[in-house]
Protein backbone atom coordinates (compact mmCIF):
# COMPACT_ATOMS: atom_id res chain seq x y z
CA MET A 1 2.74 5.95 21.94
CA SER A 2 5.44 8.00 19.36
CA SER A 3 5.63 10.35 16.88
CA SER A 4 8.73 8.81 15.86
CA PRO A 5 8.76 5.30 16.79
CA ARG A 6 11.04 2.53 15.37
CA ILE A 7 9.53 -0.35 13.28
CA SER A 8 7.58 -2.67 15.50
CA LEU A 9 8.75 -6.20 15.06
CA ARG A 10 8.21 -9.42 16.72
CA PRO A 11 11.15 -9.93 19.10
CA GLU A 12 12.47 -13.35 17.50
CA VAL A 13 12.41 -10.97 14.33
CA THR A 14 14.65 -8.27 15.71
CA ASP A 15 17.18 -10.72 16.69
CA TYR A 16 17.27 -11.98 13.62
CA LEU A 17 18.19 -9.01 11.95
CA LYS A 18 20.31 -7.61 14.66
CA ASN A 19 22.66 -10.95 13.97
CA VAL A 20 22.75 -9.96 10.18
CA PHE A 21 23.57 -6.24 10.72
CA LEU A 22 26.29 -7.20 13.68
CA ASN A 23 27.68 -10.40 11.59
CA LYS A 24 31.36 -11.21 12.07
CA GLU A 25 32.49 -9.91 8.72
CA VAL A 26 30.74 -6.33 9.38
CA LEU A 27 32.00 -5.90 13.16
CA ALA A 28 35.63 -6.91 11.68
CA ALA A 29 35.23 -4.03 9.45
CA VAL A 30 33.18 -1.23 11.29
CA GLY A 31 33.29 -2.82 14.98
CA HIS A 32 30.46 -3.15 17.32
CA GLN A 33 29.43 0.51 18.09
CA GLU A 34 29.13 1.41 14.57
CA ALA A 35 27.19 -1.72 13.46
CA GLU A 36 24.93 -1.38 16.35
CA SER A 37 24.13 2.47 15.46
CA ARG A 38 23.69 1.37 12.06
CA PHE A 39 20.77 -1.65 13.34
CA GLN A 40 19.12 1.23 15.82
CA ARG A 41 19.08 3.51 12.66
CA LEU A 42 17.66 0.95 10.67
CA LEU A 43 14.81 0.42 12.42
CA THR A 44 13.81 4.19 13.14
CA CYS A 45 14.13 4.83 9.64
CA LEU A 46 11.74 2.28 8.10
CA SER A 47 8.96 3.44 9.94
CA HIS A 48 9.33 7.16 8.46
CA PRO A 49 9.05 8.08 4.63
CA PRO A 50 12.35 8.56 2.28
CA SER A 51 13.11 12.12 1.78
CA TYR A 52 11.75 12.67 -1.40
CA THR A 53 8.99 11.37 -3.77
CA CYS A 54 9.54 9.73 -6.68
CA VAL A 55 7.82 9.87 -9.80
CA ARG A 56 8.59 7.86 -12.93
CA ALA A 57 7.83 10.32 -16.09
CA SER A 58 6.45 8.48 -18.83
CA THR A 59 9.07 9.98 -21.13
CA HIS A 60 7.92 7.81 -24.30
CA LEU A 61 4.95 10.13 -24.04
CA ALA A 62 6.13 13.34 -23.40
CA PRO A 63 9.44 15.35 -22.83
CA LEU A 64 10.25 15.74 -18.98
CA GLU A 65 10.62 19.51 -18.68
CA GLU A 66 6.80 19.53 -20.12
CA ILE A 67 5.90 16.40 -17.57
CA ARG A 68 7.39 18.58 -15.04
CA GLN A 69 5.90 21.86 -15.68
CA LYS A 70 2.14 20.00 -16.20
CA LEU A 71 2.59 18.03 -12.63
CA GLY A 72 3.83 21.41 -11.28
CA GLU A 73 0.06 23.10 -12.43
CA GLU A 74 -1.77 20.15 -11.35
CA LEU A 75 -0.06 20.00 -7.99
CA LYS A 76 -0.76 23.63 -7.66
CA LYS A 77 -4.33 23.31 -8.24
CA GLN A 78 -4.58 20.42 -5.64
CA GLN A 79 -2.92 22.48 -2.54
CA MET A 80 -5.06 25.55 -3.64
CA CYS A 81 -7.75 24.00 -2.68
CA THR A 82 -6.68 22.58 0.60
CA SER A 83 -4.60 25.61 1.78
CA SER A 84 -5.39 28.85 2.72
CA GLU A 85 -2.11 30.80 1.64
CA LYS A 86 -2.87 32.87 -1.62
CA GLU A 87 0.89 31.62 -3.00
CA VAL A 88 1.55 28.25 -3.47
CA SER A 89 4.88 26.82 -4.40
CA VAL A 90 5.68 22.99 -5.30
CA GLN A 91 9.11 21.97 -6.00
CA ILE A 92 9.83 19.57 -8.35
CA LEU A 93 13.48 18.08 -9.19
CA PRO A 94 14.95 16.56 -12.42
CA HIS A 95 17.09 13.71 -10.84
CA PRO A 96 20.70 14.51 -12.45
CA ARG A 97 21.37 10.97 -13.40
CA ILE A 98 18.31 9.46 -14.30
CA PRO A 99 16.23 11.19 -17.03
CA ASP A 100 12.59 10.14 -16.39
CA VAL A 101 12.73 10.98 -12.57
CA LEU A 102 11.26 13.89 -10.68
CA LEU A 103 11.65 14.41 -7.03
CA LEU A 104 9.47 16.16 -4.57
CA PRO A 105 10.70 17.09 -1.38
CA VAL A 106 9.12 15.46 1.78
CA ASP A 107 8.57 18.31 4.55
CA GLY A 108 8.97 16.15 7.58
CA PRO A 109 8.73 15.33 10.91
CA ARG A 110 6.59 18.54 11.15
CA PRO A 111 5.73 20.01 14.69
CA VAL A 112 2.05 18.80 15.15
CA GLU A 113 0.44 18.96 18.43
CA GLN A 114 -1.82 15.68 19.14
CA LEU A 115 -5.26 16.42 19.74
CA SER A 116 -7.62 14.62 22.77
CA SER A 117 -9.99 13.52 19.93
CA GLU A 118 -8.40 10.58 18.14
CA VAL A 119 -8.88 8.12 15.17
CA VAL A 120 -6.87 4.43 15.26
CA VAL A 121 -6.31 3.07 11.61
CA GLY A 122 -4.58 0.17 10.86
CA ALA A 123 -0.62 0.11 10.10
CA GLN A 124 -0.94 -0.21 6.81
CA CYS A 125 -2.94 2.88 6.05
CA GLY A 126 -0.69 4.72 8.53
CA SER A 127 1.88 3.95 6.31
CA ALA A 128 0.11 5.53 3.36
CA VAL A 129 -1.05 8.71 5.57
CA LEU A 130 3.39 9.18 6.32
CA ARG A 131 3.83 8.97 2.26
CA GLY A 132 0.54 11.95 1.75
CA ALA A 133 -2.88 9.48 1.53
CA ASN A 134 -5.48 10.70 3.09
CA VAL A 135 -7.54 8.26 5.27
CA PHE A 136 -10.16 5.92 3.60
CA VAL A 137 -12.80 4.59 5.72
CA PRO A 138 -11.62 0.79 5.31
CA GLY A 139 -8.63 1.58 7.17
CA ILE A 140 -10.27 2.87 10.34
CA LEU A 141 -10.46 0.60 13.29
CA ALA A 142 -11.70 3.24 16.07
CA SER A 143 -12.80 6.55 16.22
CA PRO A 144 -14.43 8.66 19.17
CA LYS A 145 -17.84 7.57 20.07
CA PHE A 146 -19.84 10.75 18.73
CA MET A 147 -17.47 11.86 16.53
CA LYS A 148 -19.57 13.72 13.24
CA ALA A 149 -18.65 15.03 9.76
CA GLY A 150 -16.55 17.91 10.49
CA ASP A 151 -14.93 17.63 13.34
CA VAL A 152 -10.77 17.79 13.60
CA VAL A 153 -9.21 14.41 14.97
CA SER A 154 -5.39 13.06 15.52
CA VAL A 155 -4.50 10.12 13.98
CA PHE A 156 -3.07 7.21 15.12
CA SER A 157 -1.32 4.15 13.47
CA ASP A 158 -2.03 0.71 14.88
CA LEU A 159 1.39 -0.41 15.90
CA GLU A 160 0.84 -4.30 16.70
CA GLY A 161 -2.55 -4.77 14.82
CA ARG A 162 -4.12 -4.97 18.45
CA CYS A 163 -7.44 -2.53 18.04
CA THR A 164 -10.86 -4.09 17.68
CA ARG A 165 -12.53 -2.46 14.81
CA GLY A 166 -15.52 -0.45 15.71
CA ALA A 167 -13.93 0.87 18.96
CA THR A 168 -14.36 3.40 20.33
CA SER A 169 -11.00 4.34 21.84
CA PHE A 170 -7.58 2.38 21.92
CA GLN A 171 -4.56 2.72 24.37
CA GLY A 172 -2.20 -0.06 22.61
CA MET A 173 0.93 0.51 21.01
CA ARG A 174 0.59 3.45 18.28
CA GLY A 175 2.41 5.79 16.35
CA PHE A 176 0.95 9.47 15.48
CA VAL A 177 0.62 10.25 11.53
CA GLY A 178 -0.85 13.97 12.11
CA ASN A 179 -4.37 15.59 12.34
CA GLY A 180 -7.22 15.76 10.01
CA VAL A 181 -10.67 16.43 9.00
CA ALA A 182 -13.62 13.69 9.41
CA GLN A 183 -15.22 13.18 6.45
CA ILE A 184 -18.05 10.99 7.84
CA ASP A 185 -20.23 10.29 10.90
CA ARG A 186 -18.86 7.27 13.20
CA SER A 187 -22.33 5.73 12.42
CA GLY A 188 -21.37 5.96 8.21
CA ILE A 189 -17.93 3.80 9.18
CA PHE A 190 -18.93 1.06 11.65
CA CYS A 191 -22.99 0.91 11.74
CA THR A 192 -23.99 0.76 8.09
CA ASP A 193 -25.38 -2.72 6.23
CA VAL A 194 -23.46 -1.99 3.38
CA ALA A 195 -19.35 -1.01 3.94
CA ALA A 196 -18.57 2.80 3.17
CA LYS A 197 -15.86 3.46 1.12
CA GLY A 198 -13.99 6.60 -0.04
CA VAL A 199 -12.08 9.21 2.23
CA GLY A 200 -12.96 9.06 6.01
CA VAL A 201 -10.49 11.77 7.06
CA ARG A 202 -9.11 14.18 4.92
CA MET A 203 -5.35 15.03 6.51
CA VAL A 204 -4.75 18.76 7.16
CA GLU A 205 -1.58 18.55 9.44
CA PRO A 206 -0.03 15.36 8.50
CA LEU A 207 2.98 14.45 10.56
CA TYR A 208 4.93 14.36 6.84
CA GLN A 209 3.82 16.69 4.26
CA SER A 210 3.64 15.50 0.54
CA PRO A 211 1.63 15.85 -2.21
CA SER A 212 -1.56 13.23 -3.30
CA PHE A 213 -1.30 11.72 -6.55
CA ASP A 214 -4.66 10.81 -6.27
CA GLY A 215 -5.95 11.20 -10.18
CA VAL A 216 -2.95 13.65 -11.06
CA LEU A 217 -1.83 13.14 -14.64
CA PRO A 218 -1.98 9.19 -14.23
CA ASN A 219 -0.39 8.44 -17.62
CA LEU A 220 2.64 10.60 -17.25
CA ALA A 221 3.44 10.78 -13.84
CA PHE A 222 3.33 7.40 -12.25
CA LEU A 223 4.44 7.24 -8.39
CA GLN A 224 7.57 4.37 -7.91
CA ASN A 225 10.45 4.66 -5.58
CA LEU A 226 13.44 5.44 -6.97
CA PRO A 227 15.25 1.62 -6.88
CA SER A 228 12.35 0.24 -8.60
CA VAL A 229 13.24 2.71 -11.51
CA VAL A 230 16.82 2.26 -11.14
CA VAL A 231 15.95 -1.94 -11.80
CA GLY A 232 14.81 -0.94 -15.31
CA HIS A 233 17.78 0.83 -16.20
CA VAL A 234 20.10 -1.47 -14.90
CA LEU A 235 18.10 -4.26 -16.84
CA GLY A 236 19.24 -1.81 -20.12
CA PRO A 237 16.60 -2.98 -22.42
CA LEU A 238 16.67 -2.31 -26.15
CA PRO A 239 14.58 -1.65 -29.01
CA GLY A 240 12.99 -5.27 -30.63
CA GLU A 241 14.26 -7.68 -27.29
CA ARG A 242 12.27 -9.90 -26.15
CA ILE A 243 11.93 -9.48 -22.29
CA LEU A 244 10.84 -11.17 -19.62
CA ASP A 245 9.21 -9.89 -16.06
CA MET A 246 8.68 -12.85 -14.05
CA CYS A 247 6.66 -11.50 -11.20
CA ALA A 248 5.52 -8.83 -12.82
CA ALA A 249 2.57 -7.31 -10.47
CA PRO A 250 1.55 -4.38 -10.47
CA GLY A 251 3.08 -3.98 -13.62
CA GLY A 252 5.32 -0.71 -12.69
CA LYS A 253 8.50 -2.37 -13.46
CA THR A 254 7.25 -4.18 -16.78
CA CYS A 255 5.49 -0.67 -18.20
CA HIS A 256 8.89 0.78 -16.94
CA ILE A 257 10.85 -2.04 -19.49
CA ALA A 258 8.44 -1.26 -22.46
CA ALA A 259 8.64 2.47 -22.34
CA LEU A 260 12.40 2.27 -22.17
CA MET A 261 12.54 -0.09 -25.44
CA ARG A 262 9.97 2.88 -26.63
CA ASP A 263 7.07 -0.07 -26.98
CA GLN A 264 9.46 -1.92 -29.56
CA GLY A 265 10.02 -5.87 -28.84
CA GLU A 266 8.00 -7.60 -26.63
CA VAL A 267 7.50 -7.65 -22.74
CA VAL A 268 6.42 -10.72 -21.22
CA ALA A 269 5.00 -10.50 -18.20
CA LEU A 270 4.19 -13.38 -16.10
CA GLU A 271 2.35 -13.26 -12.49
CA LYS A 272 0.67 -16.15 -10.42
CA ILE A 273 -1.96 -14.38 -8.94
CA LYS A 274 -4.90 -14.26 -10.94
CA ASN A 275 -6.44 -10.99 -9.31
CA LYS A 276 -3.86 -8.79 -10.22
CA ILE A 277 -3.35 -9.33 -14.13
CA ASP A 278 -5.78 -6.82 -14.23
CA ARG A 279 -3.33 -4.08 -12.55
CA ILE A 280 -0.51 -4.80 -15.09
CA ARG A 281 -3.18 -4.69 -18.12
CA GLN A 282 -4.81 -1.30 -17.03
CA ASN A 283 -1.30 0.29 -16.19
CA ALA A 284 0.15 -1.04 -19.96
CA LYS A 285 -2.85 0.53 -21.45
CA MET A 286 -3.23 4.06 -19.64
CA LEU A 287 0.42 4.15 -20.47
CA GLN A 288 -0.60 3.38 -24.27
CA LEU A 289 2.28 0.18 -24.29
CA ASN A 290 1.45 -2.30 -26.66
CA SER A 291 4.59 -4.34 -26.73
CA VAL A 292 3.27 -5.86 -23.10
CA LYS A 293 1.85 -9.39 -22.88
CA VAL A 294 0.71 -10.45 -19.67
CA TYR A 295 -0.37 -14.01 -18.45
CA CYS A 296 -1.12 -15.69 -15.46
CA PHE A 297 1.16 -18.43 -14.63
CA ASN A 298 3.55 -19.40 -12.25
CA SER A 299 6.81 -18.55 -13.32
CA THR A 300 8.85 -21.65 -11.08
CA LYS A 301 7.12 -23.44 -14.01
CA ALA A 302 7.67 -21.49 -16.46
CA VAL A 303 10.43 -23.78 -18.42
CA SER A 304 8.46 -26.10 -21.25
CA SER A 305 10.32 -29.45 -22.17
CA ASN A 306 9.21 -29.02 -25.84
CA SER A 307 11.87 -26.75 -27.52
CA ALA A 308 9.37 -26.76 -30.73
CA GLN A 309 6.49 -25.15 -28.72
CA GLU A 310 4.51 -22.88 -31.53
CA HIS A 311 1.63 -21.54 -29.26
CA GLU A 312 3.08 -18.34 -27.49
CA GLY A 313 2.45 -18.10 -24.09
CA PRO A 314 4.13 -19.83 -21.08
CA PRO A 315 5.75 -22.28 -20.51
CA PHE A 316 8.71 -21.03 -22.76
CA PRO A 317 11.40 -23.33 -24.19
CA ALA A 318 15.12 -22.71 -22.93
CA GLU A 319 16.98 -19.83 -24.06
CA SER A 320 13.70 -17.65 -25.14
CA PHE A 321 14.58 -14.32 -23.63
CA ASP A 322 17.43 -11.55 -24.15
CA ARG A 323 16.94 -10.26 -20.68
CA VAL A 324 14.94 -11.29 -17.69
CA LEU A 325 14.16 -9.78 -14.54
CA LEU A 326 13.75 -11.61 -11.48
CA ASP A 327 12.02 -8.87 -8.95
CA ALA A 328 11.82 -11.93 -6.75
CA PRO A 329 8.64 -11.83 -4.02
CA CYS A 330 10.65 -10.88 -0.57
CA SER A 331 10.18 -10.60 2.95
CA GLY A 332 9.34 -6.79 2.06
CA LEU A 333 11.32 -5.64 5.08
CA GLY A 334 13.27 -2.40 3.11
CA GLN A 335 9.71 -0.70 2.62
CA ARG A 336 9.30 2.34 3.76
CA PRO A 337 7.42 3.22 5.60
CA SER A 338 6.32 0.57 7.70
CA MET A 339 5.63 1.15 11.18
CA SER A 340 4.58 -2.78 11.76
CA CYS A 341 5.55 -5.98 10.70
CA THR A 342 3.74 -8.64 12.54
CA TRP A 343 5.37 -11.58 10.67
CA SER A 344 6.97 -14.42 12.27
CA LEU A 345 10.56 -15.78 12.09
CA LYS A 346 9.32 -18.91 9.90
CA GLU A 347 7.13 -16.69 7.50
CA LEU A 348 10.69 -14.22 7.02
CA CYS A 349 12.66 -16.98 6.05
CA SER A 350 10.23 -18.44 3.92
CA TYR A 351 10.98 -16.92 0.82
CA GLN A 352 14.92 -17.81 -0.06
CA PRO A 353 13.72 -21.31 -1.61
CA LEU A 354 11.50 -19.78 -3.21
CA GLN A 355 13.54 -17.31 -4.74
CA ARG A 356 16.03 -20.18 -6.03
CA LYS A 357 13.34 -22.07 -7.66
CA LEU A 358 12.72 -18.90 -9.45
CA PHE A 359 16.21 -18.41 -10.10
CA HIS A 360 16.72 -21.94 -11.53
CA ALA A 361 13.71 -20.62 -14.28
CA ALA A 362 15.54 -17.37 -15.01
CA VAL A 363 18.77 -18.97 -15.87
CA GLN A 364 17.21 -21.76 -17.98
CA LEU A 365 14.77 -18.93 -20.33
CA LEU A 366 17.85 -16.72 -20.16
CA LYS A 367 20.02 -16.61 -23.81
CA LYS A 368 23.51 -17.20 -23.79
CA GLY A 369 25.00 -13.63 -23.88
CA GLY A 370 21.81 -12.07 -21.83
CA VAL A 371 21.47 -10.19 -18.60
CA LEU A 372 19.57 -11.46 -15.95
CA VAL A 373 18.51 -8.79 -13.14
CA TYR A 374 17.69 -10.06 -9.88
CA SER A 375 16.25 -7.66 -6.88
CA THR A 376 14.46 -7.50 -3.78
CA CYS A 377 13.15 -4.89 -1.31
CA THR A 378 14.27 -6.11 1.67
CA VAL A 379 17.40 -5.57 3.83
CA THR A 380 18.20 -9.53 4.75
CA LEU A 381 21.31 -10.95 3.62
CA ALA A 382 19.42 -14.64 3.36
CA GLU A 383 17.83 -12.60 0.44
CA ASN A 384 20.00 -10.67 -1.29
CA GLU A 385 23.89 -11.17 -0.96
CA GLU A 386 23.61 -14.91 -0.10
CA GLN A 387 21.63 -15.61 -3.04
CA VAL A 388 24.21 -14.06 -5.14
CA ALA A 389 26.81 -16.50 -3.69
CA TRP A 390 24.41 -19.02 -4.06
CA ALA A 391 23.55 -18.17 -7.52
CA LEU A 392 27.63 -17.74 -8.55
CA GLU A 393 28.20 -21.58 -7.35
CA THR A 394 25.41 -22.71 -8.69
CA PHE A 395 25.51 -21.39 -12.07
CA PRO A 396 29.32 -21.25 -13.65
CA CYS A 397 27.54 -19.67 -16.82
CA LEU A 398 26.75 -16.33 -15.01
CA THR A 399 29.07 -13.55 -14.35
CA LEU A 400 28.15 -10.09 -12.09
CA GLN A 401 28.15 -7.16 -14.11
CA PRO A 402 28.87 -3.75 -13.64
CA GLN A 403 25.55 -1.77 -12.88
CA GLU A 404 24.49 1.81 -14.67
CA PRO A 405 23.14 4.13 -12.62
CA HIS A 406 25.18 2.67 -9.52
CA ILE A 407 23.80 5.59 -6.94
CA GLY A 408 23.21 3.01 -3.91
CA SER A 409 25.86 1.45 -2.03
CA GLU A 410 27.83 -1.64 -2.60
CA GLY A 411 26.84 -5.10 -1.24
CA MET A 412 26.44 -6.06 2.32
CA LEU A 413 29.49 -7.46 4.17
CA GLY A 414 28.60 -11.26 5.87
CA ALA A 415 27.91 -13.83 2.91
CA GLY A 416 31.38 -14.39 1.81
CA LEU A 417 31.37 -12.30 -1.46
CA SER A 418 34.90 -10.87 -2.44
CA PRO A 419 35.39 -6.94 -2.44
CA GLU A 420 35.27 -7.14 -5.69
CA GLN A 421 31.98 -8.60 -6.24
CA LEU A 422 30.20 -6.50 -3.25
CA ARG A 423 31.40 -3.48 -5.71
CA LEU A 424 29.37 -4.17 -8.47
CA LEU A 425 26.21 -5.01 -6.44
CA GLN A 426 24.05 -2.10 -5.37
CA ARG A 427 22.30 -2.21 -1.92
CA PHE A 428 19.93 0.67 -1.14
CA SER A 429 20.72 1.39 2.65
CA PRO A 430 19.06 4.11 4.13
CA GLU A 431 20.73 3.38 7.69
CA LEU A 432 24.17 4.37 6.30
CA THR A 433 23.20 8.49 6.33
CA TRP A 434 19.57 8.66 7.48
CA ASP A 435 19.31 11.74 9.61
CA GLN A 436 15.85 12.32 11.35
CA THR A 437 16.73 15.88 11.98
CA GLY A 438 16.55 16.67 8.17
CA ALA A 439 20.13 17.73 8.49
CA ALA A 440 21.07 19.30 4.74
CA ALA A 441 22.53 17.58 2.12
CA PRO A 442 22.66 18.00 -1.89
CA LEU A 443 20.78 16.71 -4.18
CA PRO A 444 21.51 13.99 -5.38
CA TYR A 445 23.16 12.53 -2.36
CA ARG A 446 20.05 12.55 0.16
CA ALA A 447 17.40 11.68 -2.50
CA ASP A 448 19.94 8.58 -3.48
CA ARG A 449 20.32 7.50 -0.14
CA ASP A 450 17.01 8.12 1.68
CA THR A 451 15.44 5.62 0.12
CA ILE A 452 13.82 1.99 0.90
CA GLY A 453 15.69 -0.88 1.10
CA PHE A 454 16.33 -2.62 -1.75
CA PHE A 455 18.74 -4.65 -3.73
CA ILE A 456 19.96 -5.28 -6.90
CA ALA A 457 22.17 -7.72 -8.82
CA LYS A 458 23.43 -7.60 -12.72
CA PHE A 459 24.22 -11.42 -14.09
CA LEU A 460 25.65 -11.59 -17.80
CA LYS A 461 25.24 -15.44 -19.08
CA LYS A 462 28.06 -16.64 -20.91
């Protein structure tokens, strides 16, 4: 049991990642001690949230300052309902380089005393609590035998997925995420014929304090990790262009692209999983974006052999798009906070072939002179820098391009890329600067570096 655990991984996955972060090129550049230190920091920081909550403001609908003021008012109302203090302050900071980003500092880890009455939740639920959420009933795995609504409880995350739903206690590997007040009796959680919904535990002393955005200005303030916002700006969409988002769900990047174009042009969003399509459409409608067209389609098959086709949907003729975003399916090992990942090494390594199939389609669909942006939310070389090296060798028509803004680090050593090529890549590497003690650092330095793990490459098709 720990209030500051490392991410729980299978031993084979830990060994694999260690070999990645202590590869020969890295060891030659920084030495074994620094490389080992970075790897250990990575394992720890992945289980903790970034130090800022990032909000993408809908500046196509209202000025940034107006959105900042409205958001401040809404969050103050929220905190006054849950706080006994008369004066409630909410700090909301505009990002100095990204014109549609607002940052809210996260307070933590805080000195919260663990209680004897314990509720255990799934790892996904525990991660959501660390980012400001309450505990919803479906996430609860175990609770005290006689728990009643109003009881104060400590909440723990099951790090290895071994807690049996309905248990009254659990002594396995777990991580403390804070204290809360039960909103429902135990019998209402586990002993009903109809699955219970809603908030099961309202968090009053979370380990990390950050606002809950549930229902707060949904059309003006969109929760999105900072690197994900950077992707849209790096793509650089212009009004009137036709742009493809190949793996679009849940639609955050799709809608950002359309907003950056001032809703002038066409953004085609493809997603192969049918039940995710409605979410993209709902987000576009909520944000008043009419230029987004959504299709349920497998992007690996998005290239048509018929150059004269007349229908507007997929598959598309080659060279149909001015810009293409390939935010590829990936192992997701950069996501934070993530207290546990139970994937096998085989599962972890299964994404590279799929990413390459998508890359082939992306290059064919891109017009000459067009821009392709490739991104992932993982930390492996195989899915990031190695893919860039492969793409440059496989597609002589592609060249790496500078990125703007470039607020992350350069690419990671180990894939045989030149120093010039690495400088053109953008890797968000929280392990390089992460400090759990919360040592003071100026904005934007800390906000730009204490992020999820993420990777961006920008190509031009000659």
